PDB file of N, CA and C in Angstrom:
ATOM      1  N   MET A   1     -42.353 -23.183 266.774  1.00  0.00           N
ATOM      2  CA  MET A   1     -43.592 -23.128 267.733  1.00  0.00           C
ATOM      3  C   MET A   1     -43.879 -24.639 267.696  1.00  0.00           C
ATOM      4  N   ASN A   2     -44.286 -25.114 269.208  1.00  0.00           N
ATOM      5  CA  ASN A   2     -44.461 -26.407 269.432  1.00  0.00           C
ATOM      6  C   ASN A   2     -45.961 -26.807 268.319  1.00  0.00           C
ATOM      7  N   GLU A   3     -45.754 -28.162 267.742  1.00  0.00           N
ATOM      8  CA  GLU A   3     -46.961 -28.853 266.948  1.00  0.00           C
ATOM      9  C   GLU A   3     -48.063 -28.428 267.791  1.00  0.00           C
ATOM     10  N   GLN A   4     -48.425 -28.831 268.968  1.00  0.00           N
ATOM     11  CA  GLN A   4     -49.640 -28.919 269.623  1.00  0.00           C
ATOM     12  C   GLN A   4     -49.973 -27.387 269.445  1.00  0.00           C
ATOM     13  N   VAL A   5     -49.260 -26.281 269.755  1.00  0.00           N
ATOM     14  CA  VAL A   5     -49.729 -25.045 269.798  1.00  0.00           C
ATOM     15  C   VAL A   5     -50.439 -24.686 268.022  1.00  0.00           C
ATOM     16  N   ARG A   6     -49.382 -24.939 267.126  1.00  0.00           N
ATOM     17  CA  ARG A   6     -49.972 -24.842 265.788  1.00  0.00           C
ATOM     18  C   ARG A   6     -51.217 -25.679 265.482  1.00  0.00           C
ATOM     19  N   HIS A   7     -51.295 -27.027 266.031  1.00  0.00           N
ATOM     20  CA  HIS A   7     -52.493 -27.758 265.632  1.00  0.00           C
ATOM     21  C   HIS A   7     -53.913 -26.772 266.439  1.00  0.00           C
ATOM     22  N   THR A   8     -53.764 -26.364 267.621  1.00  0.00           N
ATOM     23  CA  THR A   8     -54.735 -25.808 268.441  1.00  0.00           C
ATOM     24  C   THR A   8     -55.110 -24.539 267.831  1.00  0.00           C
ATOM     25  N   VAL A   9     -54.017 -23.955 267.220  1.00  0.00           N
ATOM     26  CA  VAL A   9     -54.533 -22.797 266.587  1.00  0.00           C
ATOM     27  C   VAL A   9     -55.247 -22.987 265.341  1.00  0.00           C
ATOM     28  N   ARG A  10     -54.878 -23.813 264.400  1.00  0.00           N
ATOM     29  CA  ARG A  10     -55.669 -24.431 263.295  1.00  0.00           C
ATOM     30  C   ARG A  10     -56.995 -24.566 263.344  1.00  0.00           C
ATOM     31  N   ALA A  11     -57.078 -25.550 264.725  1.00  0.00           N
ATOM     32  CA  ALA A  11     -58.429 -25.878 265.025  1.00  0.00           C
ATOM     33  C   ALA A  11     -59.355 -24.913 265.648  1.00  0.00           C
ATOM     34  N   ARG A  12     -58.811 -23.679 266.082  1.00  0.00           N
ATOM     35  CA  ARG A  12     -59.492 -22.737 266.597  1.00  0.00           C
ATOM     36  C   ARG A  12     -59.996 -21.707 265.546  1.00  0.00           C
ATOM     37  N   MET A  13     -59.023 -21.573 264.511  1.00  0.00           N
ATOM     38  CA  MET A  13     -59.434 -21.055 263.056  1.00  0.00           C
ATOM     39  C   MET A  13     -60.491 -21.704 262.686  1.00  0.00           C
ATOM     40  N   LYS A  14     -60.521 -22.948 262.380  1.00  0.00           N
ATOM     41  CA  LYS A  14     -61.661 -23.885 261.446  1.00  0.00           C
ATOM     42  C   LYS A  14     -62.796 -23.504 262.654  1.00  0.00           C
ATOM     43  N   ALA A  15     -62.793 -23.598 263.734  1.00  0.00           N
ATOM     44  CA  ALA A  15     -64.018 -23.576 264.538  1.00  0.00           C
ATOM     45  C   ALA A  15     -64.557 -21.904 264.447  1.00  0.00           C
ATOM     46  N   GLN A  16     -63.559 -20.824 264.009  1.00  0.00           N
ATOM     47  CA  GLN A  16     -64.368 -20.007 263.997  1.00  0.00           C
ATOM     48  C   GLN A  16     -64.502 -19.288 262.535  1.00  0.00           C
ATOM     49  N   GLY A  17     -63.958 -20.321 261.624  1.00  0.00           N
ATOM     50  CA  GLY A  17     -64.370 -20.016 260.344  1.00  0.00           C
ATOM     51  C   GLY A  17     -63.250 -19.130 259.751  1.00  0.00           C
ATOM     52  N   ILE A  18     -61.999 -18.939 260.248  1.00  0.00           N
ATOM     53  CA  ILE A  18     -61.384 -17.830 259.700  1.00  0.00           C
ATOM     54  C   ILE A  18     -60.438 -18.454 259.156  1.00  0.00           C
ATOM     55  N   THR A  19     -59.890 -17.727 257.797  1.00  0.00           N
ATOM     56  CA  THR A  19     -59.185 -18.158 256.975  1.00  0.00           C
ATOM     57  C   THR A  19     -57.536 -17.388 257.152  1.00  0.00           C
ATOM     58  N   GLN A  20     -56.851 -18.000 256.629  1.00  0.00           N
ATOM     59  CA  GLN A  20     -55.108 -17.757 256.790  1.00  0.00           C
ATOM     60  C   GLN A  20     -55.197 -16.036 256.605  1.00  0.00           C
ATOM     61  N   ILE A  21     -55.597 -15.916 255.410  1.00  0.00           N
ATOM     62  CA  ILE A  21     -56.020 -14.292 255.037  1.00  0.00           C
ATOM     63  C   ILE A  21     -56.459 -13.500 256.009  1.00  0.00           C
ATOM     64  N   GLU A  22     -57.824 -13.877 256.470  1.00  0.00           N
ATOM     65  CA  GLU A  22     -58.522 -13.059 257.621  1.00  0.00           C
ATOM     66  C   GLU A  22     -57.439 -13.069 259.013  1.00  0.00           C
ATOM     67  N   LEU A  23     -57.183 -14.189 259.084  1.00  0.00           N
ATOM     68  CA  LEU A  23     -55.919 -14.089 260.333  1.00  0.00           C
ATOM     69  C   LEU A  23     -54.952 -13.197 260.073  1.00  0.00           C
ATOM     70  N   GLY A  24     -54.438 -13.093 259.209  1.00  0.00           N
ATOM     71  CA  GLY A  24     -53.404 -12.198 258.404  1.00  0.00           C
ATOM     72  C   GLY A  24     -53.722 -10.563 258.665  1.00  0.00           C
ATOM     73  N   GLU A  25     -55.140 -10.540 258.331  1.00  0.00           N
ATOM     74  CA  GLU A  25     -55.679  -9.292 258.319  1.00  0.00           C
ATOM     75  C   GLU A  25     -55.919  -8.896 259.750  1.00  0.00           C
ATOM     76  N   LEU A  26     -56.200  -9.787 260.754  1.00  0.00           N
ATOM     77  CA  LEU A  26     -56.400  -9.409 261.677  1.00  0.00           C
ATOM     78  C   LEU A  26     -55.234  -8.933 262.850  1.00  0.00           C
ATOM     79  N   VAL A  27     -53.746  -9.825 262.364  1.00  0.00           N
ATOM     80  CA  VAL A  27     -52.749  -9.567 263.038  1.00  0.00           C
ATOM     81  C   VAL A  27     -51.752  -8.498 262.451  1.00  0.00           C
ATOM     82  N   GLY A  28     -52.099  -8.315 261.310  1.00  0.00           N
ATOM     83  CA  GLY A  28     -51.199  -7.480 260.395  1.00  0.00           C
ATOM     84  C   GLY A  28     -49.756  -8.252 259.764  1.00  0.00           C
ATOM     85  N   MET A  29     -50.534  -9.438 259.317  1.00  0.00           N
ATOM     86  CA  MET A  29     -49.522 -10.342 258.701  1.00  0.00           C
ATOM     87  C   MET A  29     -49.691 -10.397 257.378  1.00  0.00           C
ATOM     88  N   ALA A  30     -49.121 -10.701 256.352  1.00  0.00           N
ATOM     89  CA  ALA A  30     -49.478 -11.187 255.103  1.00  0.00           C
ATOM     90  C   ALA A  30     -49.772 -12.986 255.088  1.00  0.00           C
ATOM     91  N   GLN A  31     -50.540 -13.437 254.129  1.00  0.00           N
ATOM     92  CA  GLN A  31     -51.118 -14.773 254.184  1.00  0.00           C
ATOM     93  C   GLN A  31     -49.820 -15.809 254.190  1.00  0.00           C
ATOM     94  N   PRO A  32     -49.073 -15.336 253.334  1.00  0.00           N
ATOM     95  CA  PRO A  32     -47.884 -16.070 253.279  1.00  0.00           C
ATOM     96  C   PRO A  32     -47.163 -16.556 254.686  1.00  0.00           C
ATOM     97  N   ASN A  33     -46.912 -15.216 255.208  1.00  0.00           N
ATOM     98  CA  ASN A  33     -46.327 -15.283 256.710  1.00  0.00           C
ATOM     99  C   ASN A  33     -46.857 -16.135 257.439  1.00  0.00           C
ATOM    100  N   VAL A  34     -48.777 -15.580 257.608  1.00  0.00           N
ATOM    101  CA  VAL A  34     -49.434 -16.761 258.280  1.00  0.00           C
ATOM    102  C   VAL A  34     -49.056 -18.177 258.062  1.00  0.00           C
ATOM    103  N   GLN A  35     -48.953 -18.772 256.567  1.00  0.00           N
ATOM    104  CA  GLN A  35     -49.026 -20.202 256.316  1.00  0.00           C
ATOM    105  C   GLN A  35     -47.762 -20.356 256.880  1.00  0.00           C
ATOM    106  N   ARG A  36     -46.585 -20.004 256.973  1.00  0.00           N
ATOM    107  CA  ARG A  36     -44.965 -20.098 257.256  1.00  0.00           C
ATOM    108  C   ARG A  36     -45.142 -20.682 259.021  1.00  0.00           C
ATOM    109  N   LEU A  37     -45.853 -19.587 259.703  1.00  0.00           N
ATOM    110  CA  LEU A  37     -46.207 -20.143 260.934  1.00  0.00           C
ATOM    111  C   LEU A  37     -46.770 -21.204 261.160  1.00  0.00           C
ATOM    112  N   LEU A  38     -47.787 -21.374 260.638  1.00  0.00           N
ATOM    113  CA  LEU A  38     -48.477 -22.475 260.743  1.00  0.00           C
ATOM    114  C   LEU A  38     -47.966 -23.734 260.327  1.00  0.00           C
ATOM    115  N   SER A  39     -47.396 -23.913 259.568  1.00  0.00           N
ATOM    116  CA  SER A  39     -46.545 -24.654 259.035  1.00  0.00           C
ATOM    117  C   SER A  39     -45.448 -25.503 259.564  1.00  0.00           C
ATOM    118  N   GLY A  40     -44.639 -24.616 260.763  1.00  0.00           N
ATOM    119  CA  GLY A  40     -43.769 -24.533 261.434  1.00  0.00           C
ATOM    120  C   GLY A  40     -42.208 -24.310 261.235  1.00  0.00           C
ATOM    121  N   ARG A  41     -42.353 -23.502 259.840  1.00  0.00           N
ATOM    122  CA  ARG A  41     -41.016 -23.107 259.264  1.00  0.00           C
ATOM    123  C   ARG A  41     -40.617 -21.939 259.701  1.00  0.00           C
ATOM    124  N   VAL A  42     -41.202 -21.239 260.360  1.00  0.00           N
ATOM    125  CA  VAL A  42     -40.643 -20.135 261.152  1.00  0.00           C
ATOM    126  C   VAL A  42     -41.563 -19.981 262.489  1.00  0.00           C
ATOM    127  N   GLY A  43     -41.088 -19.168 263.379  1.00  0.00           N
ATOM    128  CA  GLY A  43     -42.147 -18.856 264.620  1.00  0.00           C
ATOM    129  C   GLY A  43     -41.426 -20.094 265.684  1.00  0.00           C
ATOM    130  N   ALA A  44     -40.604 -20.907 265.790  1.00  0.00           N
ATOM    131  CA  ALA A  44     -39.978 -22.114 266.574  1.00  0.00           C
ATOM    132  C   ALA A  44     -39.602 -21.285 267.853  1.00  0.00           C
ATOM    133  N   VAL A  45     -40.029 -22.264 268.936  1.00  0.00           N
ATOM    134  CA  VAL A  45     -39.325 -21.841 270.300  1.00  0.00           C
ATOM    135  C   VAL A  45     -38.028 -21.689 270.060  1.00  0.00           C
ATOM    136  N   PRO A  46     -37.513 -20.160 270.618  1.00  0.00           N
ATOM    137  CA  PRO A  46     -36.002 -20.406 270.641  1.00  0.00           C
ATOM    138  C   PRO A  46     -35.438 -21.400 271.250  1.00  0.00           C
ATOM    139  N   ASP A  47     -34.139 -22.161 270.814  1.00  0.00           N
ATOM    140  CA  ASP A  47     -33.547 -23.056 271.910  1.00  0.00           C
ATOM    141  C   ASP A  47     -33.434 -22.796 273.339  1.00  0.00           C
ATOM    142  N   SER A  48     -32.886 -21.536 273.507  1.00  0.00           N
ATOM    143  CA  SER A  48     -32.871 -20.994 275.175  1.00  0.00           C
ATOM    144  C   SER A  48     -34.399 -21.406 275.825  1.00  0.00           C
ATOM    145  N   TRP A  49     -35.257 -20.786 275.361  1.00  0.00           N
ATOM    146  CA  TRP A  49     -36.628 -21.070 276.261  1.00  0.00           C
ATOM    147  C   TRP A  49     -36.998 -22.655 276.079  1.00  0.00           C
ATOM    148  N   GLN A  50     -36.885 -23.156 274.723  1.00  0.00           N
ATOM    149  CA  GLN A  50     -37.207 -24.574 275.347  1.00  0.00           C
ATOM    150  C   GLN A  50     -36.545 -25.185 276.025  1.00  0.00           C
ATOM    151  N   LYS A  51     -34.625 -24.873 276.203  1.00  0.00           N
ATOM    152  CA  LYS A  51     -34.194 -25.578 276.947  1.00  0.00           C
ATOM    153  C   LYS A  51     -34.708 -25.378 278.658  1.00  0.00           C
ATOM    154  N   VAL A  52     -35.224 -23.792 278.954  1.00  0.00           N
ATOM    155  CA  VAL A  52     -35.709 -23.789 280.186  1.00  0.00           C
ATOM    156  C   VAL A  52     -36.850 -24.523 280.514  1.00  0.00           C
ATOM    157  N   LEU A  53     -38.076 -24.618 279.340  1.00  0.00           N
ATOM    158  CA  LEU A  53     -39.226 -25.514 279.307  1.00  0.00           C
ATOM    159  C   LEU A  53     -38.897 -26.989 279.699  1.00  0.00           C
ATOM    160  N   ASP A  54     -37.727 -27.574 279.057  1.00  0.00           N
ATOM    161  CA  ASP A  54     -37.555 -29.055 279.094  1.00  0.00           C
ATOM    162  C   ASP A  54     -37.036 -29.281 280.860  1.00  0.00           C
ATOM    163  N   ALA A  55     -35.860 -28.240 280.989  1.00  0.00           N
ATOM    164  CA  ALA A  55     -35.328 -28.424 282.495  1.00  0.00           C
ATOM    165  C   ALA A  55     -36.338 -28.638 283.427  1.00  0.00           C
ATOM    166  N   LEU A  56     -37.569 -27.652 283.355  1.00  0.00           N
ATOM    167  CA  LEU A  56     -38.507 -27.572 284.238  1.00  0.00           C
ATOM    168  C   LEU A  56     -39.904 -28.743 283.966  1.00  0.00           C
ATOM    169  N   GLY A  57     -39.648 -29.726 282.796  1.00  0.00           N
ATOM    170  CA  GLY A  57     -40.765 -30.415 282.500  1.00  0.00           C
ATOM    171  C   GLY A  57     -41.901 -29.596 282.254  1.00  0.00           C
ATOM    172  N   LEU A  58     -41.724 -28.389 281.317  1.00  0.00           N
ATOM    173  CA  LEU A  58     -42.974 -27.512 280.824  1.00  0.00           C
ATOM    174  C   LEU A  58     -43.182 -27.796 279.506  1.00  0.00           C
ATOM    175  N   GLU A  59     -44.150 -27.480 278.904  1.00  0.00           N
ATOM    176  CA  GLU A  59     -44.512 -27.666 277.656  1.00  0.00           C
ATOM    177  C   GLU A  59     -45.336 -26.249 277.240  1.00  0.00           C
ATOM    178  N   LEU A  60     -44.946 -25.596 276.238  1.00  0.00           N
ATOM    179  CA  LEU A  60     -45.830 -24.565 275.555  1.00  0.00           C
ATOM    180  C   LEU A  60     -47.150 -25.157 275.031  1.00  0.00           C
ATOM    181  N   VAL A  61     -48.125 -24.788 275.434  1.00  0.00           N
ATOM    182  CA  VAL A  61     -49.918 -24.795 274.909  1.00  0.00           C
ATOM    183  C   VAL A  61     -50.543 -23.833 274.584  1.00  0.00           C
ATOM    184  N   ALA A  62     -51.436 -24.057 273.739  1.00  0.00           N
ATOM    185  CA  ALA A  62     -52.347 -22.912 273.414  1.00  0.00           C
ATOM    186  C   ALA A  62     -53.598 -23.349 274.053  1.00  0.00           C
ATOM    187  N   VAL A  63     -54.439 -22.542 274.881  1.00  0.00           N
ATOM    188  CA  VAL A  63     -55.465 -22.806 275.447  1.00  0.00           C
ATOM    189  C   VAL A  63     -56.485 -21.579 274.932  1.00  0.00           C
ATOM    190  N   PRO A  64     -58.129 -21.893 274.887  1.00  0.00           N
ATOM    191  CA  PRO A  64     -58.797 -20.735 274.998  1.00  0.00           C
ATOM    192  C   PRO A  64     -58.599 -20.002 275.895  1.00  0.00           C
ATOM    193  N   LYS A  65     -58.985 -18.729 275.891  1.00  0.00           N
ATOM    194  CA  LYS A  65     -58.957 -17.516 276.970  1.00  0.00           C
ATOM    195  C   LYS A  65     -60.308 -17.827 277.971  1.00  0.00           C
ATOM    196  N   LYS A  66     -60.146 -17.710 279.201  1.00  0.00           N
ATOM    197  CA  LYS A  66     -61.075 -18.019 279.877  1.00  0.00           C
ATOM    198  C   LYS A  66     -62.593 -17.431 280.015  1.00  0.00           C
ATOM    199  N   ASP A  67     -62.327 -15.872 279.149  1.00  0.00           N
ATOM    200  CA  ASP A  67     -63.858 -15.372 278.454  1.00  0.00           C
ATOM    201  C   ASP A  67     -64.341 -15.503 277.305  1.00  0.00           C
ATOM    202  N   GLY A  68     -63.410 -16.449 276.598  1.00  0.00           N
ATOM    203  CA  GLY A  68     -63.859 -16.851 275.309  1.00  0.00           C
ATOM    204  C   GLY A  68     -63.574 -15.736 274.056  1.00  0.00           C
ATOM    205  N   ALA A  69     -62.800 -14.840 274.549  1.00  0.00           N
ATOM    206  CA  ALA A  69     -62.595 -13.704 273.359  1.00  0.00           C
ATOM    207  C   ALA A  69     -61.428 -14.518 272.480  1.00  0.00           C
ATOM    208  N   SER A  70     -61.906 -13.673 271.073  1.00  0.00           N
ATOM    209  CA  SER A  70     -60.899 -14.456 270.221  1.00  0.00           C
ATOM    210  C   SER A  70     -59.717 -13.216 269.694  1.00  0.00           C
TER     211      SER A  70
END
């Protein structure tokens, strides 16, 4: 996954006081798997999608929802 997305997710977790364990519980994932996602070791954008994004001059980013829901 894009580094900007990982950074935004980590920042949101910090702002909301959510630990990796708590995030894992919210999404049904063990903490080591959450850590791997946040480190970029897993969860990368598939090559085919990255090629499409690059061809169109797009970048995958994470932004807060308009309603502010977490």
